[in-house]
Each structure stands twice: as structure tokens, then as C-alpha cells.
């Protein structure tokens, strides 16, 4: 359960790195500091 919880948290953090926003200007993607990785 600890391993599963850690995996889910890690997955949520990694998936939140994405900043492609539908309907928004593309400039938002290059301005996102979280995408440096």
C-alpha cells in the first residue's frame, strides 16, 4: 500500500508538469518553468 500510494503521488506530480492548455495561446507553454525538466 505504501508503494502504491507513493507511485500514485509521483504519477500525479509528473502528470502535472504538462501545460498544454486547449484554446489558449501557445506562449503559455514556453513560459511554464515546470517544463524545464
ModelCIF file with pLDDT and N, C-alpha, C, O atoms, coordinates in Angstrom:
data_MODEL
#
_entry.id   MODEL 
#
_entity.id                         1 
_entity.type                       polymer 
_entity.pdbx_number_of_molecules   1 
#
_entity_poly.entity_id                      1 
_entity_poly.type                           'polypeptide(L)' 
_entity_poly.nstd_linkage                   no 
_entity_poly.nstd_monomer                   no 
_entity_poly.pdbx_seq_one_letter_code       
;(UNK)(UNK)(UNK)(UNK)(UNK)(UNK)(UNK)(UNK)(UNK)(UNK)(UNK)(UNK)(UNK)(UNK)(UNK)(UNK)
(UNK)(UNK)(UNK)(UNK)(UNK)(UNK)(UNK)(UNK)(UNK)(UNK)(UNK)(UNK)(UNK)(UNK)(UNK)(UNK)
(UNK)(UNK)(UNK)(UNK)(UNK)
;
_entity_poly.pdbx_seq_one_letter_code_can   XXXXXXXXXXXXXXXXXXXXXXXXXXXXXXXXXXXXX 
_entity_poly.pdbx_strand_id                 A 
#
loop_
_entity_poly_seq.entity_id 
_entity_poly_seq.num 
_entity_poly_seq.mon_id 
_entity_poly_seq.hetero 
1 1  UNK n 
1 2  UNK n 
1 3  UNK n 
1 4  UNK n 
1 5  UNK n 
1 6  UNK n 
1 7  UNK n 
1 8  UNK n 
1 9  UNK n 
1 10 UNK n 
1 11 UNK n 
1 12 UNK n 
1 13 UNK n 
1 14 UNK n 
1 15 UNK n 
1 16 UNK n 
1 17 UNK n 
1 18 UNK n 
1 19 UNK n 
1 20 UNK n 
1 21 UNK n 
1 22 UNK n 
1 23 UNK n 
1 24 UNK n 
1 25 UNK n 
1 26 UNK n 
1 27 UNK n 
1 28 UNK n 
1 29 UNK n 
1 30 UNK n 
1 31 UNK n 
1 32 UNK n 
1 33 UNK n 
1 34 UNK n 
1 35 UNK n 
1 36 UNK n 
1 37 UNK n 
#
_struct_asym.id          A 
_struct_asym.entity_id   1 
#
loop_
_ma_qa_metric.id 
_ma_qa_metric.mode 
_ma_qa_metric.name 
_ma_qa_metric.software_group_id 
_ma_qa_metric.type 
1 global pLDDT . pLDDT 
2 local  pLDDT . pLDDT 
#
_ma_qa_metric_global.metric_id      1 
_ma_qa_metric_global.metric_value   52.32 
_ma_qa_metric_global.model_id       1 
_ma_qa_metric_global.ordinal_id     1 
#
loop_
_ma_qa_metric_local.label_asym_id 
_ma_qa_metric_local.label_comp_id 
_ma_qa_metric_local.label_seq_id 
_ma_qa_metric_local.metric_id 
_ma_qa_metric_local.metric_value 
_ma_qa_metric_local.model_id 
_ma_qa_metric_local.ordinal_id 
A UNK 1  2 41.00 1 1  
A UNK 2  2 44.00 1 2  
A UNK 3  2 38.00 1 3  
A UNK 4  2 36.00 1 4  
A UNK 5  2 38.00 1 5  
A UNK 6  2 39.00 1 6  
A UNK 7  2 36.00 1 7  
A UNK 8  2 37.00 1 8  
A UNK 9  2 39.00 1 9  
A UNK 10 2 37.00 1 10 
A UNK 11 2 39.00 1 11 
A UNK 12 2 40.00 1 12 
A UNK 13 2 38.00 1 13 
A UNK 14 2 37.00 1 14 
A UNK 15 2 38.00 1 15 
A UNK 16 2 38.00 1 16 
A UNK 17 2 42.00 1 17 
A UNK 18 2 41.00 1 18 
A UNK 19 2 55.00 1 19 
A UNK 20 2 65.00 1 20 
A UNK 21 2 88.00 1 21 
A UNK 22 2 93.00 1 22 
A UNK 23 2 92.00 1 23 
A UNK 24 2 91.00 1 24 
A UNK 25 2 90.00 1 25 
A UNK 26 2 82.00 1 26 
A UNK 27 2 68.00 1 27 
A UNK 28 2 55.00 1 28 
A UNK 29 2 56.00 1 29 
A UNK 30 2 51.00 1 30 
A UNK 31 2 49.00 1 31 
A UNK 32 2 49.00 1 32 
A UNK 33 2 43.00 1 33 
A UNK 34 2 46.00 1 34 
A UNK 35 2 54.00 1 35 
A UNK 36 2 52.00 1 36 
A UNK 37 2 59.00 1 37 
#
loop_
_atom_site.group_PDB 
_atom_site.id 
_atom_site.type_symbol 
_atom_site.label_atom_id 
_atom_site.label_alt_id 
_atom_site.label_comp_id 
_atom_site.label_asym_id 
_atom_site.label_entity_id 
_atom_site.label_seq_id 
_atom_site.pdbx_PDB_ins_code 
_atom_site.Cartn_x 
_atom_site.Cartn_y 
_atom_site.Cartn_z 
_atom_site.occupancy 
_atom_site.B_iso_or_equiv 
_atom_site.pdbx_formal_charge 
_atom_site.auth_seq_id 
_atom_site.auth_comp_id 
_atom_site.auth_asym_id 
_atom_site.auth_atom_id 
_atom_site.pdbx_PDB_model_num 
ATOM 1   N N  . UNK A 1 1  ? 0.827  -1.203 0.000   1.00 41.00 ? 1  UNK A N  1 
ATOM 2   C CA . UNK A 1 1  ? 0.000  0.000  0.000   1.00 41.00 ? 1  UNK A CA 1 
ATOM 3   C C  . UNK A 1 1  ? 0.863  1.257  0.000   1.00 41.00 ? 1  UNK A C  1 
ATOM 4   O O  . UNK A 1 1  ? 0.541  2.231  -0.679  1.00 41.00 ? 1  UNK A O  1 
ATOM 5   N N  . UNK A 1 2  ? 1.952  1.239  0.753   1.00 44.00 ? 2  UNK A N  1 
ATOM 6   C CA . UNK A 1 2  ? 2.874  2.374  0.763   1.00 44.00 ? 2  UNK A CA 1 
ATOM 7   C C  . UNK A 1 2  ? 3.493  2.597  -0.599  1.00 44.00 ? 2  UNK A C  1 
ATOM 8   O O  . UNK A 1 2  ? 3.606  3.735  -1.055  1.00 44.00 ? 2  UNK A O  1 
ATOM 9   N N  . UNK A 1 3  ? 3.898  1.509  -1.259  1.00 38.00 ? 3  UNK A N  1 
ATOM 10  C CA . UNK A 1 3  ? 4.475  1.616  -2.593  1.00 38.00 ? 3  UNK A CA 1 
ATOM 11  C C  . UNK A 1 3  ? 3.443  2.155  -3.576  1.00 38.00 ? 3  UNK A C  1 
ATOM 12  O O  . UNK A 1 3  ? 3.757  3.026  -4.388  1.00 38.00 ? 3  UNK A O  1 
ATOM 13  N N  . UNK A 1 4  ? 2.211  1.643  -3.509  1.00 36.00 ? 4  UNK A N  1 
ATOM 14  C CA . UNK A 1 4  ? 1.157  2.092  -4.399  1.00 36.00 ? 4  UNK A CA 1 
ATOM 15  C C  . UNK A 1 4  ? 0.843  3.568  -4.174  1.00 36.00 ? 4  UNK A C  1 
ATOM 16  O O  . UNK A 1 4  ? 0.682  4.316  -5.138  1.00 36.00 ? 4  UNK A O  1 
ATOM 17  N N  . UNK A 1 5  ? 0.755  3.996  -2.919  1.00 38.00 ? 5  UNK A N  1 
ATOM 18  C CA . UNK A 1 5  ? 0.496  5.407  -2.611  1.00 38.00 ? 5  UNK A CA 1 
ATOM 19  C C  . UNK A 1 5  ? 1.604  6.287  -3.167  1.00 38.00 ? 5  UNK A C  1 
ATOM 20  O O  . UNK A 1 5  ? 1.334  7.329  -3.765  1.00 38.00 ? 5  UNK A O  1 
ATOM 21  N N  . UNK A 1 6  ? 2.845  5.871  -2.972  1.00 39.00 ? 6  UNK A N  1 
ATOM 22  C CA . UNK A 1 6  ? 3.982  6.639  -3.487  1.00 39.00 ? 6  UNK A CA 1 
ATOM 23  C C  . UNK A 1 6  ? 3.958  6.733  -4.996  1.00 39.00 ? 6  UNK A C  1 
ATOM 24  O O  . UNK A 1 6  ? 4.253  7.787  -5.560  1.00 39.00 ? 6  UNK A O  1 
ATOM 25  N N  . UNK A 1 7  ? 3.607  5.637  -5.658  1.00 36.00 ? 7  UNK A N  1 
ATOM 26  C CA . UNK A 1 7  ? 3.531  5.628  -7.112  1.00 36.00 ? 7  UNK A CA 1 
ATOM 27  C C  . UNK A 1 7  ? 2.449  6.568  -7.608  1.00 36.00 ? 7  UNK A C  1 
ATOM 28  O O  . UNK A 1 7  ? 2.661  7.301  -8.574  1.00 36.00 ? 7  UNK A O  1 
ATOM 29  N N  . UNK A 1 8  ? 1.282  6.558  -6.955  1.00 37.00 ? 8  UNK A N  1 
ATOM 30  C CA . UNK A 1 8  ? 0.195  7.449  -7.368  1.00 37.00 ? 8  UNK A CA 1 
ATOM 31  C C  . UNK A 1 8  ? 0.563  8.917  -7.172  1.00 37.00 ? 8  UNK A C  1 
ATOM 32  O O  . UNK A 1 8  ? 0.264  9.753  -8.026  1.00 37.00 ? 8  UNK A O  1 
ATOM 33  N N  . UNK A 1 9  ? 1.203  9.230  -6.064  1.00 39.00 ? 9  UNK A N  1 
ATOM 34  C CA . UNK A 1 9  ? 1.618  10.613 -5.810  1.00 39.00 ? 9  UNK A CA 1 
ATOM 35  C C  . UNK A 1 9  ? 2.650  11.050 -6.836  1.00 39.00 ? 9  UNK A C  1 
ATOM 36  O O  . UNK A 1 9  ? 2.565  12.155 -7.371  1.00 39.00 ? 9  UNK A O  1 
ATOM 37  N N  . UNK A 1 10 ? 3.621  10.194 -7.113  1.00 37.00 ? 10 UNK A N  1 
ATOM 38  C CA . UNK A 1 10 ? 4.646  10.515 -8.097  1.00 37.00 ? 10 UNK A CA 1 
ATOM 39  C C  . UNK A 1 10 ? 4.025  10.715 -9.470  1.00 37.00 ? 10 UNK A C  1 
ATOM 40  O O  . UNK A 1 10 ? 4.398  11.637 -10.195 1.00 37.00 ? 10 UNK A O  1 
ATOM 41  N N  . UNK A 1 11 ? 3.079  9.856  -9.828  1.00 39.00 ? 11 UNK A N  1 
ATOM 42  C CA . UNK A 1 11 ? 2.398  10.000 -11.110 1.00 39.00 ? 11 UNK A CA 1 
ATOM 43  C C  . UNK A 1 11 ? 1.638  11.303 -11.203 1.00 39.00 ? 11 UNK A C  1 
ATOM 44  O O  . UNK A 1 11 ? 1.650  11.956 -12.247 1.00 39.00 ? 11 UNK A O  1 
ATOM 45  N N  . UNK A 1 12 ? 0.981  11.689 -10.133 1.00 40.00 ? 12 UNK A N  1 
ATOM 46  C CA . UNK A 1 12 ? 0.241  12.959 -10.130 1.00 40.00 ? 12 UNK A CA 1 
ATOM 47  C C  . UNK A 1 12 ? 1.186  14.138 -10.288 1.00 40.00 ? 12 UNK A C  1 
ATOM 48  O O  . UNK A 1 12 ? 0.872  15.090 -11.004 1.00 40.00 ? 12 UNK A O  1 
ATOM 49  N N  . UNK A 1 13 ? 2.327  14.090 -9.637  1.00 38.00 ? 13 UNK A N  1 
ATOM 50  C CA . UNK A 1 13 ? 3.299  15.179 -9.769  1.00 38.00 ? 13 UNK A CA 1 
ATOM 51  C C  . UNK A 1 13 ? 3.854  15.258 -11.182 1.00 38.00 ? 13 UNK A C  1 
ATOM 52  O O  . UNK A 1 13 ? 3.945  16.344 -11.754 1.00 38.00 ? 13 UNK A O  1 
ATOM 53  N N  . UNK A 1 14 ? 4.226  14.116 -11.751 1.00 37.00 ? 14 UNK A N  1 
ATOM 54  C CA . UNK A 1 14 ? 4.755  14.120 -13.100 1.00 37.00 ? 14 UNK A CA 1 
ATOM 55  C C  . UNK A 1 14 ? 3.719  14.564 -14.105 1.00 37.00 ? 14 UNK A C  1 
ATOM 56  O O  . UNK A 1 14 ? 4.034  15.323 -15.021 1.00 37.00 ? 14 UNK A O  1 
ATOM 57  N N  . UNK A 1 15 ? 2.491  14.109 -13.956 1.00 38.00 ? 15 UNK A N  1 
ATOM 58  C CA . UNK A 1 15 ? 1.481  14.474 -14.931 1.00 38.00 ? 15 UNK A CA 1 
ATOM 59  C C  . UNK A 1 15 ? 1.125  15.953 -14.838 1.00 38.00 ? 15 UNK A C  1 
ATOM 60  O O  . UNK A 1 15 ? 0.646  16.528 -15.816 1.00 38.00 ? 15 UNK A O  1 
ATOM 61  N N  . UNK A 1 16 ? 1.348  16.578 -13.691 1.00 38.00 ? 16 UNK A N  1 
ATOM 62  C CA . UNK A 1 16 ? 1.024  17.996 -13.569 1.00 38.00 ? 16 UNK A CA 1 
ATOM 63  C C  . UNK A 1 16 ? 2.067  18.885 -14.220 1.00 38.00 ? 16 UNK A C  1 
ATOM 64  O O  . UNK A 1 16 ? 1.894  20.103 -14.256 1.00 38.00 ? 16 UNK A O  1 
ATOM 65  N N  . UNK A 1 17 ? 3.145  18.311 -14.735 1.00 42.00 ? 17 UNK A N  1 
ATOM 66  C CA . UNK A 1 17 ? 4.151  19.113 -15.409 1.00 42.00 ? 17 UNK A CA 1 
ATOM 67  C C  . UNK A 1 17 ? 3.655  19.653 -16.738 1.00 42.00 ? 17 UNK A C  1 
ATOM 68  O O  . UNK A 1 17 ? 4.163  20.664 -17.224 1.00 42.00 ? 17 UNK A O  1 
ATOM 69  N N  . UNK A 1 18 ? 2.675  18.996 -17.329 1.00 41.00 ? 18 UNK A N  1 
ATOM 70  C CA . UNK A 1 18 ? 2.202  19.401 -18.639 1.00 41.00 ? 18 UNK A CA 1 
ATOM 71  C C  . UNK A 1 18 ? 1.441  20.711 -18.559 1.00 41.00 ? 18 UNK A C  1 
ATOM 72  O O  . UNK A 1 18 ? 0.696  20.948 -17.608 1.00 41.00 ? 18 UNK A O  1 
ATOM 73  N N  . UNK A 1 19 ? 1.627  21.557 -19.552 1.00 55.00 ? 19 UNK A N  1 
ATOM 74  C CA . UNK A 1 19 ? 0.956  22.854 -19.534 1.00 55.00 ? 19 UNK A CA 1 
ATOM 75  C C  . UNK A 1 19 ? 0.347  23.187 -20.880 1.00 55.00 ? 19 UNK A C  1 
ATOM 76  O O  . UNK A 1 19 ? 0.163  24.362 -21.198 1.00 55.00 ? 19 UNK A O  1 
ATOM 77  N N  . UNK A 1 20 ? 0.032  22.188 -21.671 1.00 65.00 ? 20 UNK A N  1 
ATOM 78  C CA . UNK A 1 20 ? -0.621 22.426 -22.935 1.00 65.00 ? 20 UNK A CA 1 
ATOM 79  C C  . UNK A 1 20 ? -2.093 22.670 -22.640 1.00 65.00 ? 20 UNK A C  1 
ATOM 80  O O  . UNK A 1 20 ? -2.796 21.752 -22.220 1.00 65.00 ? 20 UNK A O  1 
ATOM 81  N N  . UNK A 1 21 ? -2.569 23.883 -22.853 1.00 88.00 ? 21 UNK A N  1 
ATOM 82  C CA . UNK A 1 21 ? -3.945 24.229 -22.488 1.00 88.00 ? 21 UNK A CA 1 
ATOM 83  C C  . UNK A 1 21 ? -4.779 24.472 -23.739 1.00 88.00 ? 21 UNK A C  1 
ATOM 84  O O  . UNK A 1 21 ? -4.466 25.345 -24.549 1.00 88.00 ? 21 UNK A O  1 
ATOM 85  N N  . UNK A 1 22 ? -5.834 23.698 -23.884 1.00 93.00 ? 22 UNK A N  1 
ATOM 86  C CA . UNK A 1 22 ? -6.720 23.762 -25.032 1.00 93.00 ? 22 UNK A CA 1 
ATOM 87  C C  . UNK A 1 22 ? -7.378 25.134 -25.134 1.00 93.00 ? 22 UNK A C  1 
ATOM 88  O O  . UNK A 1 22 ? -7.924 25.641 -24.154 1.00 93.00 ? 22 UNK A O  1 
ATOM 89  N N  . UNK A 1 23 ? -7.324 25.734 -26.328 1.00 92.00 ? 23 UNK A N  1 
ATOM 90  C CA . UNK A 1 23 ? -7.949 27.024 -26.572 1.00 92.00 ? 23 UNK A CA 1 
ATOM 91  C C  . UNK A 1 23 ? -7.121 28.220 -26.158 1.00 92.00 ? 23 UNK A C  1 
ATOM 92  O O  . UNK A 1 23 ? -7.515 29.355 -26.425 1.00 92.00 ? 23 UNK A O  1 
ATOM 93  N N  . UNK A 1 24 ? -5.982 28.003 -25.512 1.00 91.00 ? 24 UNK A N  1 
ATOM 94  C CA . UNK A 1 24 ? -5.123 29.088 -25.026 1.00 91.00 ? 24 UNK A CA 1 
ATOM 95  C C  . UNK A 1 24 ? -4.003 29.378 -26.033 1.00 91.00 ? 24 UNK A C  1 
ATOM 96  O O  . UNK A 1 24 ? -3.731 28.560 -26.912 1.00 91.00 ? 24 UNK A O  1 
ATOM 97  N N  . UNK A 1 25 ? -3.357 30.539 -25.904 1.00 90.00 ? 25 UNK A N  1 
ATOM 98  C CA . UNK A 1 25 ? -2.205 30.835 -26.767 1.00 90.00 ? 25 UNK A CA 1 
ATOM 99  C C  . UNK A 1 25 ? -1.032 29.903 -26.477 1.00 90.00 ? 25 UNK A C  1 
ATOM 100 O O  . UNK A 1 25 ? -0.844 29.470 -25.340 1.00 90.00 ? 25 UNK A O  1 
ATOM 101 N N  . UNK A 1 26 ? -0.252 29.598 -27.499 1.00 82.00 ? 26 UNK A N  1 
ATOM 102 C CA . UNK A 1 26 ? 0.886  28.692 -27.339 1.00 82.00 ? 26 UNK A CA 1 
ATOM 103 C C  . UNK A 1 26 ? 1.981  29.272 -26.466 1.00 82.00 ? 26 UNK A C  1 
ATOM 104 O O  . UNK A 1 26 ? 2.815  28.515 -25.969 1.00 82.00 ? 26 UNK A O  1 
ATOM 105 N N  . UNK A 1 27 ? 2.018  30.568 -26.260 1.00 68.00 ? 27 UNK A N  1 
ATOM 106 C CA . UNK A 1 27 ? 3.081  31.178 -25.458 1.00 68.00 ? 27 UNK A CA 1 
ATOM 107 C C  . UNK A 1 27 ? 3.064  30.675 -24.025 1.00 68.00 ? 27 UNK A C  1 
ATOM 108 O O  . UNK A 1 27 ? 4.076  30.758 -23.328 1.00 68.00 ? 27 UNK A O  1 
ATOM 109 N N  . UNK A 1 28 ? 1.923  30.152 -23.575 1.00 55.00 ? 28 UNK A N  1 
ATOM 110 C CA . UNK A 1 28 ? 1.845  29.659 -22.200 1.00 55.00 ? 28 UNK A CA 1 
ATOM 111 C C  . UNK A 1 28 ? 2.766  28.456 -21.997 1.00 55.00 ? 28 UNK A C  1 
ATOM 112 O O  . UNK A 1 28 ? 3.223  28.224 -20.879 1.00 55.00 ? 28 UNK A O  1 
ATOM 113 N N  . UNK A 1 29 ? 3.044  27.698 -23.034 1.00 56.00 ? 29 UNK A N  1 
ATOM 114 C CA . UNK A 1 29 ? 3.871  26.505 -22.892 1.00 56.00 ? 29 UNK A CA 1 
ATOM 115 C C  . UNK A 1 29 ? 5.331  26.866 -22.653 1.00 56.00 ? 29 UNK A C  1 
ATOM 116 O O  . UNK A 1 29 ? 6.000  26.212 -21.852 1.00 56.00 ? 29 UNK A O  1 
ATOM 117 N N  . UNK A 1 30 ? 5.835  27.883 -23.325 1.00 51.00 ? 30 UNK A N  1 
ATOM 118 C CA . UNK A 1 30 ? 7.243  28.236 -23.169 1.00 51.00 ? 30 UNK A CA 1 
ATOM 119 C C  . UNK A 1 30 ? 7.492  29.026 -21.897 1.00 51.00 ? 30 UNK A C  1 
ATOM 120 O O  . UNK A 1 30 ? 8.629  29.107 -21.432 1.00 51.00 ? 30 UNK A O  1 
ATOM 121 N N  . UNK A 1 31 ? 6.456  29.606 -21.331 1.00 49.00 ? 31 UNK A N  1 
ATOM 122 C CA . UNK A 1 31 ? 6.615  30.397 -20.113 1.00 49.00 ? 31 UNK A CA 1 
ATOM 123 C C  . UNK A 1 31 ? 6.513  29.551 -18.853 1.00 49.00 ? 31 UNK A C  1 
ATOM 124 O O  . UNK A 1 31 ? 6.710  30.067 -17.753 1.00 49.00 ? 31 UNK A O  1 
ATOM 125 N N  . UNK A 1 32 ? 6.211  28.270 -18.985 1.00 49.00 ? 32 UNK A N  1 
ATOM 126 C CA . UNK A 1 32 ? 5.994  27.414 -17.824 1.00 49.00 ? 32 UNK A CA 1 
ATOM 127 C C  . UNK A 1 32 ? 7.317  26.880 -17.274 1.00 49.00 ? 32 UNK A C  1 
ATOM 128 O O  . UNK A 1 32 ? 7.960  26.060 -17.929 1.00 49.00 ? 32 UNK A O  1 
ATOM 129 N N  . UNK A 1 33 ? 7.739  27.325 -16.085 1.00 43.00 ? 33 UNK A N  1 
ATOM 130 C CA . UNK A 1 33 ? 9.020  26.876 -15.543 1.00 43.00 ? 33 UNK A CA 1 
ATOM 131 C C  . UNK A 1 33 ? 9.059  25.395 -15.193 1.00 43.00 ? 33 UNK A C  1 
ATOM 132 O O  . UNK A 1 33 ? 10.138 24.803 -15.166 1.00 43.00 ? 33 UNK A O  1 
ATOM 133 N N  . UNK A 1 34 ? 7.899  24.776 -14.922 1.00 46.00 ? 34 UNK A N  1 
ATOM 134 C CA . UNK A 1 34 ? 7.874  23.368 -14.564 1.00 46.00 ? 34 UNK A CA 1 
ATOM 135 C C  . UNK A 1 34 ? 8.279  22.467 -15.723 1.00 46.00 ? 34 UNK A C  1 
ATOM 136 O O  . UNK A 1 34 ? 8.650  21.313 -15.510 1.00 46.00 ? 34 UNK A O  1 
ATOM 137 N N  . UNK A 1 35 ? 8.212  22.985 -16.953 1.00 54.00 ? 35 UNK A N  1 
ATOM 138 C CA . UNK A 1 35 ? 8.559  22.166 -18.105 1.00 54.00 ? 35 UNK A CA 1 
ATOM 139 C C  . UNK A 1 35 ? 10.065 22.143 -18.363 1.00 54.00 ? 35 UNK A C  1 
ATOM 140 O O  . UNK A 1 35 ? 10.510 21.579 -19.362 1.00 54.00 ? 35 UNK A O  1 
ATOM 141 N N  . UNK A 1 36 ? 10.846 22.742 -17.484 1.00 52.00 ? 36 UNK A N  1 
ATOM 142 C CA . UNK A 1 36 ? 12.291 22.752 -17.684 1.00 52.00 ? 36 UNK A CA 1 
ATOM 143 C C  . UNK A 1 36 ? 12.859 21.340 -17.661 1.00 52.00 ? 36 UNK A C  1 
ATOM 144 O O  . UNK A 1 36 ? 13.939 21.106 -18.204 1.00 52.00 ? 36 UNK A O  1 
ATOM 145 N N  . UNK A 1 37 ? 12.151 20.387 -17.042 1.00 59.00 ? 37 UNK A N  1 
ATOM 146 C CA . UNK A 1 37 ? 12.608 19.005 -16.996 1.00 59.00 ? 37 UNK A CA 1 
ATOM 147 C C  . UNK A 1 37 ? 12.046 18.179 -18.152 1.00 59.00 ? 37 UNK A C  1 
ATOM 148 O O  . UNK A 1 37 ? 12.337 16.988 -18.258 1.00 59.00 ? 37 UNK A O  1 
#
